[in-house]
Amino acid sequence: MACTFDVQFRSVAAAESRRDLLDPLTWSALSPHLRFRIHRYPKHIIEVTLTFGATDDMILAAETAINDFYSGELGAQGDETEKMGEVMERYFGGFWSVGIFDDPYGYSWTVIRRSPSFVMFDVNGKGVAFAKESGIGRR
């Protein structure tokens, strides 16, 4: 039985950086058809780089949470990620993990591989990922 999944890259840079996720035969077909969106806010430039199983409402809520809570300060990241996760839990239920990474394209996170929905952003050159926790392994 073959396992397939639909990954939607939101920018050419994101697709190029995560090319290893794709079948090489489909890579050339992806580039000309990529949709991307970059939003410029007073404090942040937010680009959606990769989504899987996330609805437009989830993406918008995550962007709003980033705008409301993300400061870019290293010492505040723990509180900020907790607050951003609580926003997602309030609107979409379940448990959400939020991670902030130095490189918006070069990170790997275990929760992403088992998450039913996740979205990754480039925020002012930092990576911010939102992932809904799956129920796998819970008793």
N, C-alpha and C. Protein backbone atom coordinates (compact mmCIF):
# COMPACT_ATOMS: atom_id res chain seq x y z
N MET A 1 0.84 -1.16 0.00
CA MET A 1 0.00 0.00 0.00
C MET A 1 0.90 1.24 0.00
N ALA A 2 0.68 2.12 -0.93
CA ALA A 2 1.47 3.34 -1.03
C ALA A 2 0.87 4.42 -0.15
N CYS A 3 1.72 5.16 0.50
CA CYS A 3 1.28 6.26 1.36
C CYS A 3 1.58 7.57 0.64
N THR A 4 0.56 8.39 0.44
CA THR A 4 0.77 9.67 -0.21
C THR A 4 0.28 10.78 0.69
N PHE A 5 0.81 11.96 0.50
CA PHE A 5 0.36 13.12 1.26
C PHE A 5 0.47 14.35 0.39
N ASP A 6 -0.32 15.34 0.70
CA ASP A 6 -0.37 16.58 -0.07
C ASP A 6 0.31 17.68 0.73
N VAL A 7 1.45 18.12 0.27
CA VAL A 7 2.16 19.22 0.91
C VAL A 7 2.05 20.42 -0.01
N GLN A 8 1.66 21.55 0.53
CA GLN A 8 1.48 22.74 -0.29
C GLN A 8 2.53 23.77 0.09
N PHE A 9 3.45 24.02 -0.82
CA PHE A 9 4.45 25.05 -0.58
C PHE A 9 3.86 26.39 -0.96
N ARG A 10 4.14 27.40 -0.15
CA ARG A 10 3.57 28.71 -0.39
C ARG A 10 4.57 29.68 -1.01
N SER A 11 5.81 29.26 -1.24
CA SER A 11 6.77 30.12 -1.91
C SER A 11 7.80 29.26 -2.62
N VAL A 12 8.43 29.83 -3.61
CA VAL A 12 9.46 29.10 -4.35
C VAL A 12 10.63 28.77 -3.43
N ALA A 13 11.04 29.72 -2.58
CA ALA A 13 12.16 29.47 -1.67
C ALA A 13 11.86 28.31 -0.73
N ALA A 14 10.63 28.24 -0.24
CA ALA A 14 10.25 27.15 0.66
C ALA A 14 10.29 25.82 -0.07
N ALA A 15 9.78 25.80 -1.28
CA ALA A 15 9.78 24.55 -2.05
C ALA A 15 11.20 24.10 -2.33
N GLU A 16 12.07 25.03 -2.69
CA GLU A 16 13.45 24.66 -2.98
C GLU A 16 14.15 24.13 -1.74
N SER A 17 13.87 24.72 -0.58
CA SER A 17 14.56 24.30 0.64
C SER A 17 14.07 22.96 1.15
N ARG A 18 12.83 22.62 0.88
CA ARG A 18 12.28 21.35 1.36
C ARG A 18 12.08 20.37 0.21
N ARG A 19 12.86 20.50 -0.81
CA ARG A 19 12.75 19.66 -1.99
C ARG A 19 12.89 18.18 -1.66
N ASP A 20 13.61 17.87 -0.57
CA ASP A 20 13.82 16.48 -0.19
C ASP A 20 12.52 15.79 0.22
N LEU A 21 11.46 16.56 0.53
CA LEU A 21 10.18 15.95 0.88
C LEU A 21 9.44 15.42 -0.34
N LEU A 22 9.83 15.89 -1.51
CA LEU A 22 9.07 15.61 -2.72
C LEU A 22 9.70 14.52 -3.56
N ASP A 23 8.87 13.89 -4.35
CA ASP A 23 9.33 12.97 -5.36
C ASP A 23 10.05 13.79 -6.43
N PRO A 24 11.26 13.44 -6.82
CA PRO A 24 11.99 14.24 -7.81
C PRO A 24 11.24 14.42 -9.12
N LEU A 25 10.38 13.47 -9.47
CA LEU A 25 9.63 13.58 -10.72
C LEU A 25 8.58 14.68 -10.67
N THR A 26 8.10 15.03 -9.47
CA THR A 26 7.08 16.07 -9.37
C THR A 26 7.68 17.44 -9.12
N TRP A 27 8.96 17.50 -8.80
CA TRP A 27 9.58 18.79 -8.45
C TRP A 27 9.47 19.81 -9.58
N SER A 28 9.80 19.40 -10.80
CA SER A 28 9.79 20.37 -11.89
C SER A 28 8.38 20.86 -12.19
N ALA A 29 7.39 20.05 -11.92
CA ALA A 29 6.01 20.46 -12.17
C ALA A 29 5.51 21.45 -11.12
N LEU A 30 6.12 21.46 -9.94
CA LEU A 30 5.66 22.34 -8.87
C LEU A 30 6.02 23.80 -9.07
N SER A 31 7.25 24.06 -9.45
CA SER A 31 7.77 25.43 -9.45
C SER A 31 6.91 26.46 -10.14
N PRO A 32 6.43 26.23 -11.36
CA PRO A 32 5.69 27.31 -12.02
C PRO A 32 4.30 27.54 -11.44
N HIS A 33 3.80 26.62 -10.63
CA HIS A 33 2.43 26.71 -10.16
C HIS A 33 2.29 27.09 -8.70
N LEU A 34 3.37 27.47 -8.07
CA LEU A 34 3.33 27.73 -6.63
C LEU A 34 2.57 29.01 -6.32
N ARG A 35 1.74 28.91 -5.32
CA ARG A 35 1.05 30.08 -4.79
C ARG A 35 1.84 30.55 -3.58
N PHE A 36 2.05 31.82 -3.45
CA PHE A 36 2.71 32.28 -2.24
C PHE A 36 2.03 33.53 -1.75
N ARG A 37 2.16 33.77 -0.46
CA ARG A 37 1.62 35.01 0.07
C ARG A 37 2.54 35.52 1.16
N ILE A 38 2.80 36.80 1.07
CA ILE A 38 3.61 37.49 2.05
C ILE A 38 2.79 38.65 2.56
N HIS A 39 2.65 38.73 3.86
CA HIS A 39 1.92 39.85 4.47
C HIS A 39 2.91 40.73 5.22
N ARG A 40 2.83 42.02 4.98
CA ARG A 40 3.68 42.99 5.67
C ARG A 40 2.83 43.71 6.70
N TYR A 41 3.24 43.57 7.95
CA TYR A 41 2.57 44.22 9.06
C TYR A 41 3.54 45.25 9.65
N PRO A 42 3.07 46.13 10.53
CA PRO A 42 3.98 47.13 11.10
C PRO A 42 5.21 46.53 11.79
N LYS A 43 5.04 45.39 12.50
CA LYS A 43 6.16 44.78 13.23
C LYS A 43 6.80 43.61 12.50
N HIS A 44 6.08 42.98 11.59
CA HIS A 44 6.55 41.72 11.01
C HIS A 44 6.28 41.63 9.52
N ILE A 45 7.14 40.85 8.86
CA ILE A 45 6.87 40.39 7.50
C ILE A 45 6.67 38.89 7.64
N ILE A 46 5.46 38.42 7.31
CA ILE A 46 5.10 37.02 7.53
C ILE A 46 4.84 36.35 6.19
N GLU A 47 5.57 35.26 5.95
CA GLU A 47 5.37 34.48 4.74
C GLU A 47 4.99 33.05 5.13
N VAL A 48 3.93 32.54 4.57
CA VAL A 48 3.56 31.14 4.78
C VAL A 48 4.46 30.33 3.86
N THR A 49 5.26 29.43 4.44
CA THR A 49 6.21 28.68 3.62
C THR A 49 5.77 27.25 3.33
N LEU A 50 5.01 26.63 4.23
CA LEU A 50 4.61 25.24 4.03
C LEU A 50 3.39 24.94 4.87
N THR A 51 2.44 24.22 4.30
CA THR A 51 1.27 23.79 5.07
C THR A 51 0.97 22.33 4.75
N PHE A 52 0.34 21.69 5.70
CA PHE A 52 -0.17 20.33 5.50
C PHE A 52 -1.40 20.19 6.36
N GLY A 53 -2.55 19.96 5.77
CA GLY A 53 -3.78 19.74 6.52
C GLY A 53 -4.32 20.96 7.22
N ALA A 54 -3.73 22.12 7.00
CA ALA A 54 -4.18 23.35 7.67
C ALA A 54 -5.15 24.10 6.76
N THR A 55 -6.25 24.55 7.34
CA THR A 55 -7.23 25.32 6.59
C THR A 55 -6.79 26.78 6.52
N ASP A 56 -7.44 27.55 5.67
CA ASP A 56 -7.14 28.98 5.60
C ASP A 56 -7.43 29.67 6.92
N ASP A 57 -8.47 29.21 7.64
CA ASP A 57 -8.79 29.79 8.95
C ASP A 57 -7.66 29.53 9.95
N MET A 58 -7.08 28.33 9.90
CA MET A 58 -5.95 28.01 10.79
C MET A 58 -4.75 28.90 10.48
N ILE A 59 -4.49 29.10 9.20
CA ILE A 59 -3.36 29.94 8.80
C ILE A 59 -3.58 31.38 9.26
N LEU A 60 -4.79 31.89 9.06
CA LEU A 60 -5.10 33.26 9.48
C LEU A 60 -5.01 33.42 10.99
N ALA A 61 -5.51 32.44 11.75
CA ALA A 61 -5.43 32.51 13.21
C ALA A 61 -3.98 32.47 13.68
N ALA A 62 -3.17 31.63 13.04
CA ALA A 62 -1.75 31.55 13.40
C ALA A 62 -1.04 32.87 13.09
N GLU A 63 -1.33 33.46 11.93
CA GLU A 63 -0.74 34.76 11.59
C GLU A 63 -1.14 35.83 12.60
N THR A 64 -2.40 35.81 13.00
CA THR A 64 -2.88 36.77 14.00
C THR A 64 -2.16 36.57 15.33
N ALA A 65 -1.99 35.31 15.73
CA ALA A 65 -1.28 35.02 16.98
C ALA A 65 0.17 35.50 16.91
N ILE A 66 0.80 35.31 15.77
CA ILE A 66 2.18 35.79 15.60
C ILE A 66 2.21 37.31 15.76
N ASN A 67 1.28 37.98 15.10
CA ASN A 67 1.23 39.44 15.19
C ASN A 67 0.99 39.92 16.61
N ASP A 68 0.15 39.21 17.34
CA ASP A 68 -0.21 39.63 18.70
C ASP A 68 0.89 39.35 19.72
N PHE A 69 1.61 38.24 19.57
CA PHE A 69 2.50 37.80 20.64
C PHE A 69 3.98 37.72 20.31
N TYR A 70 4.36 37.56 19.06
CA TYR A 70 5.77 37.35 18.72
C TYR A 70 6.56 38.65 18.75
N SER A 71 7.65 38.67 19.53
CA SER A 71 8.48 39.87 19.64
C SER A 71 9.85 39.69 18.99
N GLY A 72 10.27 38.44 18.80
CA GLY A 72 11.59 38.18 18.27
C GLY A 72 12.69 38.16 19.32
N GLU A 73 12.33 38.38 20.57
CA GLU A 73 13.31 38.38 21.66
C GLU A 73 13.49 36.96 22.19
N LEU A 74 14.72 36.52 22.29
CA LEU A 74 15.03 35.16 22.71
C LEU A 74 14.46 34.82 24.08
N GLY A 75 14.57 35.71 25.04
CA GLY A 75 14.12 35.45 26.40
C GLY A 75 12.62 35.33 26.55
N ALA A 76 11.88 35.85 25.60
CA ALA A 76 10.41 35.83 25.68
C ALA A 76 9.78 34.70 24.89
N GLN A 77 10.57 33.91 24.19
CA GLN A 77 10.01 32.91 23.29
C GLN A 77 9.15 31.86 23.98
N GLY A 78 9.50 31.46 25.17
CA GLY A 78 8.71 30.44 25.88
C GLY A 78 7.29 30.91 26.13
N ASP A 79 7.15 32.10 26.69
CA ASP A 79 5.81 32.65 26.94
C ASP A 79 5.07 32.91 25.64
N GLU A 80 5.77 33.40 24.64
CA GLU A 80 5.13 33.71 23.36
C GLU A 80 4.58 32.45 22.68
N THR A 81 5.37 31.38 22.66
CA THR A 81 4.89 30.16 22.01
C THR A 81 3.72 29.57 22.78
N GLU A 82 3.74 29.67 24.09
CA GLU A 82 2.62 29.17 24.89
C GLU A 82 1.34 29.94 24.56
N LYS A 83 1.43 31.25 24.50
CA LYS A 83 0.25 32.07 24.19
C LYS A 83 -0.26 31.82 22.77
N MET A 84 0.66 31.66 21.82
CA MET A 84 0.25 31.38 20.44
C MET A 84 -0.44 30.02 20.35
N GLY A 85 0.08 29.04 21.08
CA GLY A 85 -0.55 27.72 21.11
C GLY A 85 -1.93 27.76 21.73
N GLU A 86 -2.10 28.56 22.78
CA GLU A 86 -3.41 28.69 23.43
C GLU A 86 -4.44 29.30 22.49
N VAL A 87 -4.03 30.24 21.65
CA VAL A 87 -4.95 30.82 20.66
C VAL A 87 -5.45 29.73 19.72
N MET A 88 -4.55 28.91 19.22
CA MET A 88 -4.95 27.84 18.30
C MET A 88 -5.84 26.81 18.99
N GLU A 89 -5.53 26.48 20.23
CA GLU A 89 -6.36 25.52 20.98
C GLU A 89 -7.76 26.07 21.22
N ARG A 90 -7.86 27.35 21.49
CA ARG A 90 -9.15 27.97 21.75
C ARG A 90 -10.04 27.91 20.50
N TYR A 91 -9.47 28.17 19.34
CA TYR A 91 -10.26 28.20 18.10
C TYR A 91 -10.46 26.84 17.45
N PHE A 92 -9.47 25.96 17.54
CA PHE A 92 -9.52 24.72 16.77
C PHE A 92 -9.48 23.45 17.62
N GLY A 93 -9.42 23.59 18.94
CA GLY A 93 -9.44 22.43 19.82
C GLY A 93 -8.13 21.65 19.77
N GLY A 94 -8.07 20.61 20.58
CA GLY A 94 -6.88 19.78 20.63
C GLY A 94 -5.72 20.50 21.29
N PHE A 95 -4.55 19.92 21.12
CA PHE A 95 -3.32 20.51 21.65
C PHE A 95 -2.46 20.96 20.48
N TRP A 96 -1.93 22.16 20.57
CA TRP A 96 -1.09 22.73 19.51
C TRP A 96 0.30 23.03 20.06
N SER A 97 1.31 22.69 19.29
CA SER A 97 2.70 23.03 19.62
C SER A 97 3.15 24.14 18.69
N VAL A 98 3.91 25.06 19.24
CA VAL A 98 4.47 26.16 18.45
C VAL A 98 5.97 26.16 18.70
N GLY A 99 6.73 26.22 17.63
CA GLY A 99 8.19 26.27 17.74
C GLY A 99 8.75 27.45 16.98
N ILE A 100 9.80 28.04 17.51
CA ILE A 100 10.49 29.15 16.85
C ILE A 100 11.91 28.69 16.56
N PHE A 101 12.35 28.87 15.32
CA PHE A 101 13.64 28.37 14.86
C PHE A 101 14.46 29.49 14.24
N ASP A 102 15.78 29.37 14.32
CA ASP A 102 16.67 30.40 13.75
C ASP A 102 16.58 30.47 12.24
N ASP A 103 16.42 29.34 11.59
CA ASP A 103 16.39 29.29 10.13
C ASP A 103 14.98 28.94 9.67
N PRO A 104 14.33 29.80 8.90
CA PRO A 104 12.95 29.53 8.51
C PRO A 104 12.80 28.38 7.52
N TYR A 105 13.89 27.91 6.92
CA TYR A 105 13.79 26.83 5.94
C TYR A 105 14.59 25.60 6.29
N GLY A 106 15.45 25.65 7.28
CA GLY A 106 16.36 24.54 7.54
C GLY A 106 16.10 23.81 8.83
N TYR A 107 14.85 23.67 9.23
CA TYR A 107 14.60 22.98 10.49
C TYR A 107 13.76 21.74 10.27
N SER A 108 13.92 20.82 11.19
CA SER A 108 13.13 19.60 11.18
C SER A 108 12.60 19.43 12.59
N TRP A 109 11.37 19.07 12.69
CA TRP A 109 10.73 19.01 14.00
C TRP A 109 9.90 17.73 14.04
N THR A 110 10.10 16.89 15.02
CA THR A 110 9.44 15.59 15.08
C THR A 110 7.92 15.71 15.05
N VAL A 111 7.36 16.70 15.74
CA VAL A 111 5.91 16.82 15.82
C VAL A 111 5.28 17.03 14.43
N ILE A 112 6.02 17.66 13.52
CA ILE A 112 5.50 17.90 12.18
C ILE A 112 5.25 16.59 11.46
N ARG A 113 6.08 15.60 11.69
CA ARG A 113 5.94 14.33 10.98
C ARG A 113 4.73 13.53 11.42
N ARG A 114 4.21 13.82 12.60
CA ARG A 114 3.05 13.05 13.06
C ARG A 114 1.81 13.92 13.24
N SER A 115 1.87 15.16 12.79
CA SER A 115 0.76 16.09 12.99
C SER A 115 -0.26 15.99 11.86
N PRO A 116 -1.56 16.02 12.21
CA PRO A 116 -2.59 16.02 11.16
C PRO A 116 -2.70 17.37 10.46
N SER A 117 -2.24 18.44 11.08
CA SER A 117 -2.23 19.75 10.43
C SER A 117 -1.09 20.60 10.99
N PHE A 118 -0.35 21.19 10.08
CA PHE A 118 0.69 22.12 10.52
C PHE A 118 0.87 23.22 9.48
N VAL A 119 1.44 24.31 9.93
CA VAL A 119 1.76 25.43 9.05
C VAL A 119 3.08 26.04 9.51
N MET A 120 3.92 26.37 8.55
CA MET A 120 5.23 26.96 8.85
C MET A 120 5.30 28.35 8.23
N PHE A 121 5.93 29.26 8.97
CA PHE A 121 6.05 30.64 8.53
C PHE A 121 7.50 31.09 8.54
N ASP A 122 7.82 32.04 7.68
CA ASP A 122 9.05 32.82 7.78
C ASP A 122 8.62 34.17 8.34
N VAL A 123 9.06 34.48 9.56
CA VAL A 123 8.69 35.73 10.22
C VAL A 123 9.97 36.52 10.46
N ASN A 124 10.18 37.54 9.68
CA ASN A 124 11.38 38.38 9.82
C ASN A 124 12.66 37.55 9.80
N GLY A 125 12.69 36.50 8.99
CA GLY A 125 13.90 35.69 8.90
C GLY A 125 14.01 34.56 9.91
N LYS A 126 13.02 34.39 10.76
CA LYS A 126 12.98 33.28 11.72
C LYS A 126 11.87 32.31 11.30
N GLY A 127 12.01 31.06 11.65
CA GLY A 127 10.98 30.08 11.36
C GLY A 127 10.03 29.95 12.54
N VAL A 128 8.74 29.98 12.27
CA VAL A 128 7.73 29.76 13.30
C VAL A 128 6.80 28.67 12.77
N ALA A 129 6.66 27.59 13.52
CA ALA A 129 5.84 26.46 13.09
C ALA A 129 4.73 26.20 14.10
N PHE A 130 3.54 25.95 13.59
CA PHE A 130 2.37 25.58 14.39
C PHE A 130 1.99 24.17 13.97
N ALA A 131 1.83 23.27 14.94
CA ALA A 131 1.47 21.89 14.63
C ALA A 131 0.45 21.39 15.63
N LYS A 132 -0.62 20.80 15.10
CA LYS A 132 -1.63 20.19 15.97
C LYS A 132 -1.12 18.82 16.37
N GLU A 133 -1.18 18.53 17.66
CA GLU A 133 -0.73 17.23 18.15
C GLU A 133 -1.70 16.15 17.71
N SER A 134 -1.18 15.03 17.27
CA SER A 134 -2.04 13.92 16.89
C SER A 134 -2.39 13.12 18.13
N GLY A 135 -3.42 12.32 18.03
CA GLY A 135 -3.83 11.49 19.15
C GLY A 135 -3.10 10.16 19.20
N ILE A 136 -2.14 9.94 18.30
CA ILE A 136 -1.43 8.67 18.23
C ILE A 136 -0.59 8.48 19.48
N GLY A 137 -0.69 7.32 20.07
CA GLY A 137 0.13 7.00 21.23
C GLY A 137 -0.49 7.38 22.56
N ARG A 138 -1.61 8.04 22.55
CA ARG A 138 -2.26 8.42 23.82
C ARG A 138 -3.08 7.25 24.34
N ARG A 139 -3.17 7.15 25.65
CA ARG A 139 -3.95 6.06 26.25
C ARG A 139 -5.07 6.62 27.06
